Amino acid sequence: MKIKIFALTHKKFEVPQDKMYQPLQVGREEKEDLGYLCDNTGDNISAENCYYSELTGLYWICKNILLIPSLAS
């Protein structure tokens, strides 16, 4: 079984080298691109980040992660 840990962020940070960690930028709809996977693609509520904070990232993971085979497996 492959484990994936999503690190939800709205700021740049030093991403751990272990491939298990996947940074996910939350609130991307309203912010500049940090170069990470973003919560404003597919089925998303990124524009609601000012109300729901990190929950926009959790919503994105629940609705979209199975659509990205390299992350889902």
Protein backbone atom coordinates (compact mmCIF):
# COMPACT_ATOMS: atom_id res chain seq x y z
CA MET A 1 0.00 0.00 0.00
CA LYS A 2 1.28 3.45 -0.95
CA ILE A 3 0.83 6.21 1.65
CA LYS A 4 0.35 9.85 0.65
CA ILE A 5 0.34 12.67 3.21
CA PHE A 6 -1.02 15.97 1.94
CA ALA A 7 0.54 19.09 3.46
CA LEU A 8 -2.07 21.83 3.02
CA THR A 9 -0.52 25.28 2.76
CA HIS A 10 -1.01 28.86 1.62
CA LYS A 11 2.70 29.76 2.00
CA LYS A 12 5.97 28.43 0.56
CA PHE A 13 7.72 25.93 2.83
CA GLU A 14 10.54 23.43 2.65
CA VAL A 15 8.87 20.27 1.38
CA PRO A 16 10.23 17.06 2.96
CA GLN A 17 12.24 15.00 0.48
CA ASP A 18 10.21 11.84 1.14
CA LYS A 19 7.83 11.25 -1.80
CA MET A 20 5.12 10.36 0.73
CA TYR A 21 4.52 14.11 1.29
CA GLN A 22 2.46 16.01 -1.28
CA PRO A 23 2.09 19.79 -0.82
CA LEU A 24 -1.35 21.12 -1.76
CA GLN A 25 -1.87 24.87 -2.04
CA VAL A 26 -5.24 25.86 -0.58
CA GLY A 27 -7.15 28.97 -1.63
CA ARG A 28 -5.32 29.06 -4.97
CA GLU A 29 -8.33 30.65 -6.70
CA GLU A 30 -7.59 33.93 -4.90
CA LYS A 31 -3.79 33.67 -4.46
CA GLU A 32 -0.58 33.50 -6.50
CA ASP A 33 0.69 30.09 -7.63
CA LEU A 34 3.32 28.64 -5.27
CA GLY A 35 4.23 25.82 -7.65
CA TYR A 36 2.46 23.09 -5.70
CA LEU A 37 -0.58 20.98 -6.55
CA CYS A 38 -3.56 23.37 -6.18
CA ASP A 39 -7.11 23.12 -4.87
CA ASN A 40 -8.61 25.16 -7.73
CA THR A 41 -8.84 22.39 -10.34
CA GLY A 42 -11.54 19.82 -10.96
CA ASP A 43 -14.41 19.80 -8.46
CA ASN A 44 -13.38 22.50 -5.96
CA ILE A 45 -14.44 25.19 -3.50
CA SER A 46 -11.14 27.10 -3.60
CA ALA A 47 -12.88 30.49 -3.90
CA GLU A 48 -14.52 29.79 -0.51
CA ASN A 49 -11.14 29.48 1.26
CA CYS A 50 -11.69 32.71 3.21
CA TYR A 51 -14.62 30.95 4.94
CA TYR A 52 -13.41 27.34 5.12
CA SER A 53 -9.58 27.57 5.28
CA GLU A 54 -7.89 24.15 4.98
CA LEU A 55 -11.24 22.45 4.44
CA THR A 56 -11.08 23.60 0.80
CA GLY A 57 -8.05 21.31 0.44
CA LEU A 58 -9.78 18.40 2.15
CA TYR A 59 -12.78 18.89 -0.13
CA TRP A 60 -10.48 18.87 -3.16
CA ILE A 61 -8.75 15.67 -2.01
CA CYS A 62 -12.10 13.91 -1.42
CA LYS A 63 -13.55 14.96 -4.78
CA ASN A 64 -10.51 14.74 -7.05
CA ILE A 65 -7.76 12.46 -5.79
CA LEU A 66 -9.03 9.37 -7.60
CA LEU A 67 -8.83 11.30 -10.90
CA ILE A 68 -5.02 11.53 -10.60
CA PRO A 69 -3.74 7.95 -10.99
CA SER A 70 -0.17 8.82 -9.98
CA LEU A 71 -1.45 10.08 -6.59
CA ALA A 72 -4.25 7.58 -6.04
CA SER A 73 -2.13 4.45 -6.41
